[in-house]
PDB file of all heavy atoms in Angstrom:
ATOM      1  N   ILE A   1      -2.629  -6.872  25.308  1.00  0.00           N
ATOM      2  CA  ILE A   1      -2.749  -6.564  23.883  1.00  0.00           C
ATOM      3  C   ILE A   1      -2.676  -5.053  23.675  1.00  0.00           C
ATOM      4  O   ILE A   1      -1.982  -4.568  22.770  1.00  0.00           O
ATOM      5  CB  ILE A   1      -4.057  -7.160  23.322  1.00  0.00           C
ATOM      6  CG1 ILE A   1      -3.975  -8.682  23.302  1.00  0.00           C
ATOM      7  CG2 ILE A   1      -4.348  -6.625  21.933  1.00  0.00           C
ATOM      8  CD1 ILE A   1      -5.283  -9.368  23.000  1.00  0.00           C
ATOM      9  N   GLY A   2      -3.371  -4.289  24.515  1.00  0.00           N
ATOM     10  CA  GLY A   2      -3.307  -2.831  24.421  1.00  0.00           C
ATOM     11  C   GLY A   2      -1.921  -2.292  24.711  1.00  0.00           C
ATOM     12  O   GLY A   2      -1.462  -1.349  24.050  1.00  0.00           O
ATOM     13  N   CYS A   3      -1.239  -2.888  25.687  1.00  0.00           N
ATOM     14  CA  CYS A   3       0.124  -2.449  26.010  1.00  0.00           C
ATOM     15  C   CYS A   3       1.079  -2.712  24.845  1.00  0.00           C
ATOM     16  O   CYS A   3       1.915  -1.867  24.509  1.00  0.00           O
ATOM     17  CB  CYS A   3       0.628  -3.146  27.267  1.00  0.00           C
ATOM     18  SG  CYS A   3      -0.190  -2.605  28.764  1.00  0.00           S
ATOM     19  N   LEU A   4       0.948  -3.890  24.236  1.00  0.00           N
ATOM     20  CA  LEU A   4       1.796  -4.206  23.086  1.00  0.00           C
ATOM     21  C   LEU A   4       1.490  -3.281  21.913  1.00  0.00           C
ATOM     22  O   LEU A   4       2.398  -2.832  21.211  1.00  0.00           O
ATOM     23  CB  LEU A   4       1.615  -5.664  22.681  1.00  0.00           C
ATOM     24  CG  LEU A   4       2.214  -6.698  23.634  1.00  0.00           C
ATOM     25  CD1 LEU A   4       1.842  -8.106  23.192  1.00  0.00           C
ATOM     26  CD2 LEU A   4       3.710  -6.537  23.706  1.00  0.00           C
ATOM     27  N   GLY A   5       0.213  -2.976  21.680  1.00  0.00           N
ATOM     28  CA  GLY A   5      -0.152  -2.047  20.614  1.00  0.00           C
ATOM     29  C   GLY A   5       0.402  -0.652  20.861  1.00  0.00           C
ATOM     30  O   GLY A   5       0.894  -0.001  19.936  1.00  0.00           O
ATOM     31  N   THR A   6       0.348  -0.216  22.110  1.00  0.00           N
ATOM     32  CA  THR A   6       0.896   1.098  22.465  1.00  0.00           C
ATOM     33  C   THR A   6       2.405   1.132  22.225  1.00  0.00           C
ATOM     34  O   THR A   6       2.931   2.075  21.626  1.00  0.00           O
ATOM     35  CB  THR A   6       0.588   1.425  23.935  1.00  0.00           C
ATOM     36  OG1 THR A   6      -0.826   1.419  24.121  1.00  0.00           O
ATOM     37  CG2 THR A   6       1.152   2.771  24.338  1.00  0.00           C
ATOM     38  N   ALA A   7       3.096   0.096  22.676  1.00  0.00           N
ATOM     39  CA  ALA A   7       4.551   0.046  22.505  1.00  0.00           C
ATOM     40  C   ALA A   7       4.925  -0.029  21.026  1.00  0.00           C
ATOM     41  O   ALA A   7       5.889   0.616  20.588  1.00  0.00           O
ATOM     42  CB  ALA A   7       5.123  -1.147  23.263  1.00  0.00           C
ATOM     43  N   ALA A   8       4.174  -0.810  20.250  1.00  0.00           N
ATOM     44  CA  ALA A   8       4.468  -0.930  18.823  1.00  0.00           C
ATOM     45  C   ALA A   8       4.253   0.402  18.104  1.00  0.00           C
ATOM     46  O   ALA A   8       5.088   0.808  17.283  1.00  0.00           O
ATOM     47  CB  ALA A   8       3.595  -2.017  18.209  1.00  0.00           C
ATOM     48  N   ALA A   9       3.153   1.091  18.389  1.00  0.00           N
ATOM     49  CA  ALA A   9       2.889   2.381  17.753  1.00  0.00           C
ATOM     50  C   ALA A   9       3.947   3.409  18.139  1.00  0.00           C
ATOM     51  O   ALA A   9       4.404   4.190  17.295  1.00  0.00           O
ATOM     52  CB  ALA A   9       1.495   2.879  18.128  1.00  0.00           C
ATOM     53  N   LEU A  10       4.342   3.410  19.407  1.00  0.00           N
ATOM     54  CA  LEU A  10       5.375   4.342  19.853  1.00  0.00           C
ATOM     55  C   LEU A  10       6.705   4.053  19.169  1.00  0.00           C
ATOM     56  O   LEU A  10       7.366   4.964  18.649  1.00  0.00           O
ATOM     57  CB  LEU A  10       5.546   4.261  21.374  1.00  0.00           C
ATOM     58  CG  LEU A  10       6.678   5.105  21.963  1.00  0.00           C
ATOM     59  CD1 LEU A  10       6.393   6.584  21.745  1.00  0.00           C
ATOM     60  CD2 LEU A  10       6.849   4.808  23.438  1.00  0.00           C
ATOM     61  N   THR A  11       7.095   2.785  19.129  1.00  0.00           N
ATOM     62  CA  THR A  11       8.373   2.420  18.520  1.00  0.00           C
ATOM     63  C   THR A  11       8.402   2.769  17.041  1.00  0.00           C
ATOM     64  O   THR A  11       9.362   3.374  16.552  1.00  0.00           O
ATOM     65  CB  THR A  11       8.632   0.914  18.723  1.00  0.00           C
ATOM     66  OG1 THR A  11       8.602   0.628  20.122  1.00  0.00           O
ATOM     67  CG2 THR A  11       9.973   0.508  18.148  1.00  0.00           C
ATOM     68  N   TYR A  12       7.353   2.393  16.316  1.00  0.00           N
ATOM     69  CA  TYR A  12       7.322   2.682  14.886  1.00  0.00           C
ATOM     70  C   TYR A  12       7.224   4.188  14.639  1.00  0.00           C
ATOM     71  O   TYR A  12       7.838   4.710  13.699  1.00  0.00           O
ATOM     72  CB  TYR A  12       6.163   1.943  14.213  1.00  0.00           C
ATOM     73  CG  TYR A  12       6.194   2.038  12.711  1.00  0.00           C
ATOM     74  CD1 TYR A  12       7.282   1.564  11.988  1.00  0.00           C
ATOM     75  CD2 TYR A  12       5.151   2.628  12.020  1.00  0.00           C
ATOM     76  CE1 TYR A  12       7.321   1.661  10.608  1.00  0.00           C
ATOM     77  CE2 TYR A  12       5.172   2.737  10.639  1.00  0.00           C
ATOM     78  CZ  TYR A  12       6.268   2.251   9.937  1.00  0.00           C
ATOM     79  OH  TYR A  12       6.301   2.359   8.573  1.00  0.00           O
ATOM     80  N   GLY A  13       6.493   4.917  15.478  1.00  0.00           N
ATOM     81  CA  GLY A  13       6.405   6.364  15.337  1.00  0.00           C
ATOM     82  C   GLY A  13       7.744   7.038  15.544  1.00  0.00           C
ATOM     83  O   GLY A  13       8.111   7.961  14.808  1.00  0.00           O
ATOM     84  N   LEU A  14       8.503   6.582  16.529  1.00  0.00           N
ATOM     85  CA  LEU A  14       9.837   7.147  16.758  1.00  0.00           C
ATOM     86  C   LEU A  14      10.784   6.803  15.611  1.00  0.00           C
ATOM     87  O   LEU A  14      11.621   7.619  15.209  1.00  0.00           O
ATOM     88  CB  LEU A  14      10.397   6.651  18.095  1.00  0.00           C
ATOM     89  CG  LEU A  14       9.719   7.219  19.335  1.00  0.00           C
ATOM     90  CD1 LEU A  14      10.254   6.543  20.594  1.00  0.00           C
ATOM     91  CD2 LEU A  14       9.886   8.723  19.411  1.00  0.00           C
ATOM     92  N   TYR A  15      10.641   5.596  15.076  1.00  0.00           N
ATOM     93  CA  TYR A  15      11.458   5.182  13.927  1.00  0.00           C
ATOM     94  C   TYR A  15      11.161   6.082  12.730  1.00  0.00           C
ATOM     95  O   TYR A  15      12.084   6.558  12.052  1.00  0.00           O
ATOM     96  CB  TYR A  15      11.188   3.714  13.599  1.00  0.00           C
ATOM     97  CG  TYR A  15      11.850   3.236  12.331  1.00  0.00           C
ATOM     98  CD1 TYR A  15      13.217   2.977  12.302  1.00  0.00           C
ATOM     99  CD2 TYR A  15      11.113   3.041  11.169  1.00  0.00           C
ATOM    100  CE1 TYR A  15      13.836   2.546  11.140  1.00  0.00           C
ATOM    101  CE2 TYR A  15      11.718   2.605  10.006  1.00  0.00           C
ATOM    102  CZ  TYR A  15      13.073   2.367   9.990  1.00  0.00           C
ATOM    103  OH  TYR A  15      13.676   1.934   8.841  1.00  0.00           O
ATOM    104  N   CYS A  16       9.878   6.335  12.468  1.00  0.00           N
ATOM    105  CA  CYS A  16       9.504   7.207  11.354  1.00  0.00           C
ATOM    106  C   CYS A  16       9.982   8.637  11.586  1.00  0.00           C
ATOM    107  O   CYS A  16      10.415   9.314  10.648  1.00  0.00           O
ATOM    108  CB  CYS A  16       7.990   7.176  11.150  1.00  0.00           C
ATOM    109  SG  CYS A  16       7.385   5.603  10.508  1.00  0.00           S
ATOM    110  N   PHE A  17       9.914   9.103  12.825  1.00  0.00           N
ATOM    111  CA  PHE A  17      10.402  10.435  13.159  1.00  0.00           C
ATOM    112  C   PHE A  17      11.901  10.535  12.882  1.00  0.00           C
ATOM    113  O   PHE A  17      12.379  11.528  12.327  1.00  0.00           O
ATOM    114  CB  PHE A  17      10.101  10.740  14.627  1.00  0.00           C
ATOM    115  CG  PHE A  17      10.559  12.092  15.070  1.00  0.00           C
ATOM    116  CD1 PHE A  17       9.870  13.236  14.696  1.00  0.00           C
ATOM    117  CD2 PHE A  17      11.682  12.222  15.864  1.00  0.00           C
ATOM    118  CE1 PHE A  17      10.294  14.488  15.100  1.00  0.00           C
ATOM    119  CE2 PHE A  17      12.115  13.464  16.271  1.00  0.00           C
ATOM    120  CZ  PHE A  17      11.422  14.609  15.894  1.00  0.00           C
ATOM    121  N   HIS A  18      12.632   9.495  13.255  1.00  0.00           N
ATOM    122  CA  HIS A  18      14.078   9.465  13.031  1.00  0.00           C
ATOM    123  C   HIS A  18      14.399   9.478  11.541  1.00  0.00           C
ATOM    124  O   HIS A  18      15.375  10.103  11.118  1.00  0.00           O
ATOM    125  CB  HIS A  18      14.683   8.233  13.707  1.00  0.00           C
ATOM    126  CG  HIS A  18      16.151   8.082  13.503  1.00  0.00           C
ATOM    127  ND1 HIS A  18      17.067   8.926  14.099  1.00  0.00           N
ATOM    128  CD2 HIS A  18      16.876   7.217  12.758  1.00  0.00           C
ATOM    129  CE1 HIS A  18      18.285   8.562  13.730  1.00  0.00           C
ATOM    130  NE2 HIS A  18      18.190   7.525  12.916  1.00  0.00           N
ATOM    131  N   ARG A  19      13.592   8.819  10.742  1.00  0.00           N
ATOM    132  CA  ARG A  19      13.813   8.749   9.297  1.00  0.00           C
ATOM    133  C   ARG A  19      13.308   9.989   8.566  1.00  0.00           C
ATOM    134  O   ARG A  19      13.513  10.119   7.367  1.00  0.00           O
ATOM    135  CB  ARG A  19      13.119   7.518   8.726  1.00  0.00           C
ATOM    136  CG  ARG A  19      13.588   6.237   9.354  1.00  0.00           C
ATOM    137  CD  ARG A  19      14.297   5.304   8.508  1.00  0.00           C
ATOM    138  NE  ARG A  19      14.185   5.551   7.090  1.00  0.00           N
ATOM    139  CZ  ARG A  19      14.400   4.668   6.172  1.00  0.00           C
ATOM    140  NH1 ARG A  19      14.703   3.459   6.533  1.00  0.00           N
ATOM    141  NH2 ARG A  19      14.319   4.954   4.906  1.00  0.00           N
ATOM    142  N   GLY A  20      12.616  10.884   9.271  1.00  0.00           N
ATOM    143  CA  GLY A  20      12.152  12.116   8.652  1.00  0.00           C
ATOM    144  C   GLY A  20      10.771  12.015   8.025  1.00  0.00           C
ATOM    145  O   GLY A  20      10.358  12.911   7.294  1.00  0.00           O
ATOM    146  N   GLN A  21      10.049  10.952   8.314  1.00  0.00           N
ATOM    147  CA  GLN A  21       8.697  10.774   7.774  1.00  0.00           C
ATOM    148  C   GLN A  21       7.705  11.360   8.780  1.00  0.00           C
ATOM    149  O   GLN A  21       7.085  10.642   9.553  1.00  0.00           O
ATOM    150  CB  GLN A  21       8.410   9.294   7.533  1.00  0.00           C
ATOM    151  CG  GLN A  21       9.358   8.645   6.560  1.00  0.00           C
ATOM    152  CD  GLN A  21       9.186   7.135   6.506  1.00  0.00           C
ATOM    153  OE1 GLN A  21       8.647   6.533   7.420  1.00  0.00           O
ATOM    154  NE2 GLN A  21       9.675   6.545   5.434  1.00  0.00           N
ATOM    155  N   SER A  22       7.540  12.686   8.730  1.00  0.00           N
ATOM    156  CA  SER A  22       6.757  13.354   9.757  1.00  0.00           C
ATOM    157  C   SER A  22       5.271  13.006   9.688  1.00  0.00           C
ATOM    158  O   SER A  22       4.613  12.895  10.725  1.00  0.00           O
ATOM    159  CB  SER A  22       6.953  14.866   9.673  1.00  0.00           C
ATOM    160  OG  SER A  22       6.503  15.344   8.414  1.00  0.00           O
ATOM    161  N   GLN A  23       4.724  12.829   8.494  1.00  0.00           N
ATOM    162  CA  GLN A  23       3.306  12.472   8.384  1.00  0.00           C
ATOM    163  C   GLN A  23       3.035  11.117   9.023  1.00  0.00           C
ATOM    164  O   GLN A  23       2.077  10.938   9.780  1.00  0.00           O
ATOM    165  CB  GLN A  23       2.870  12.456   6.905  1.00  0.00           C
ATOM    166  CG  GLN A  23       2.850  13.810   6.250  1.00  0.00           C
ATOM    167  CD  GLN A  23       1.740  14.682   6.801  1.00  0.00           C
ATOM    168  OE1 GLN A  23       0.752  14.213   7.356  1.00  0.00           O
ATOM    169  NE2 GLN A  23       1.916  15.992   6.668  1.00  0.00           N
ATOM    170  N   ARG A  24       3.867  10.134   8.723  1.00  0.00           N
ATOM    171  CA  ARG A  24       3.699   8.794   9.286  1.00  0.00           C
ATOM    172  C   ARG A  24       3.943   8.810  10.784  1.00  0.00           C
ATOM    173  O   ARG A  24       3.256   8.132  11.545  1.00  0.00           O
ATOM    174  CB  ARG A  24       4.662   7.826   8.593  1.00  0.00           C
ATOM    175  CG  ARG A  24       4.718   6.422   9.109  1.00  0.00           C
ATOM    176  CD  ARG A  24       3.592   5.525   8.687  1.00  0.00           C
ATOM    177  NE  ARG A  24       3.228   5.654   7.325  1.00  0.00           N
ATOM    178  CZ  ARG A  24       3.233   4.683   6.431  1.00  0.00           C
ATOM    179  NH1 ARG A  24       3.612   3.495   6.780  1.00  0.00           N
ATOM    180  NH2 ARG A  24       2.840   4.892   5.205  1.00  0.00           N
ATOM    181  N   SER A  25       4.913   9.610  11.232  1.00  0.00           N
ATOM    182  CA  SER A  25       5.206   9.725  12.657  1.00  0.00           C
ATOM    183  C   SER A  25       4.007  10.304  13.406  1.00  0.00           C
ATOM    184  O   SER A  25       3.635   9.799  14.479  1.00  0.00           O
ATOM    185  CB  SER A  25       6.435  10.608  12.863  1.00  0.00           C
ATOM    186  OG  SER A  25       6.677  10.815  14.231  1.00  0.00           O
ATOM    187  N   GLN A  26       3.381  11.344  12.862  1.00  0.00           N
ATOM    188  CA  GLN A  26       2.193  11.927  13.476  1.00  0.00           C
ATOM    189  C   GLN A  26       1.052  10.917  13.540  1.00  0.00           C
ATOM    190  O   GLN A  26       0.344  10.819  14.552  1.00  0.00           O
ATOM    191  CB  GLN A  26       1.743  13.167  12.695  1.00  0.00           C
ATOM    192  CG  GLN A  26       2.592  14.385  12.946  1.00  0.00           C
ATOM    193  CD  GLN A  26       2.439  14.874  14.372  1.00  0.00           C
ATOM    194  OE1 GLN A  26       1.340  14.912  14.921  1.00  0.00           O
ATOM    195  NE2 GLN A  26       3.556  15.225  14.988  1.00  0.00           N
ATOM    196  N   LEU A  27       0.869  10.151  12.476  1.00  0.00           N
ATOM    197  CA  LEU A  27      -0.167   9.127  12.457  1.00  0.00           C
ATOM    198  C   LEU A  27       0.080   8.074  13.543  1.00  0.00           C
ATOM    199  O   LEU A  27      -0.848   7.652  14.244  1.00  0.00           O
ATOM    200  CB  LEU A  27      -0.229   8.459  11.082  1.00  0.00           C
ATOM    201  CG  LEU A  27      -1.230   7.319  10.939  1.00  0.00           C
ATOM    202  CD1 LEU A  27      -2.651   7.852  11.060  1.00  0.00           C
ATOM    203  CD2 LEU A  27      -1.029   6.596   9.624  1.00  0.00           C
ATOM    204  N   MET A  28       1.323   7.681  13.707  1.00  0.00           N
ATOM    205  CA  MET A  28       1.645   6.669  14.720  1.00  0.00           C
ATOM    206  C   MET A  28       1.477   7.217  16.135  1.00  0.00           C
ATOM    207  O   MET A  28       1.071   6.484  17.038  1.00  0.00           O
ATOM    208  CB  MET A  28       3.073   6.148  14.521  1.00  0.00           C
ATOM    209  CG  MET A  28       3.249   5.281  13.299  1.00  0.00           C
ATOM    210  SD  MET A  28       2.459   3.671  13.439  1.00  0.00           S
ATOM    211  CE  MET A  28       0.850   3.928  12.823  1.00  0.00           C
ATOM    212  N   MET A  29       1.757   8.498  16.339  1.00  0.00           N
ATOM    213  CA  MET A  29       1.543   9.072  17.668  1.00  0.00           C
ATOM    214  C   MET A  29       0.050   9.137  17.985  1.00  0.00           C
ATOM    215  O   MET A  29      -0.369   8.900  19.118  1.00  0.00           O
ATOM    216  CB  MET A  29       2.171  10.469  17.770  1.00  0.00           C
ATOM    217  CG  MET A  29       3.693  10.452  17.768  1.00  0.00           C
ATOM    218  SD  MET A  29       4.409   9.465  19.090  1.00  0.00           S
ATOM    219  CE  MET A  29       5.186   8.156  18.179  1.00  0.00           C
TER     220      MET A  29
END
């Protein structure tokens, strides 16, 4: 469960970073 949560946060954070949403990307990291 922790591994899946880590992967999900990383994936969504990188997606937000790519889209230019720096605040959301920082939160996800």
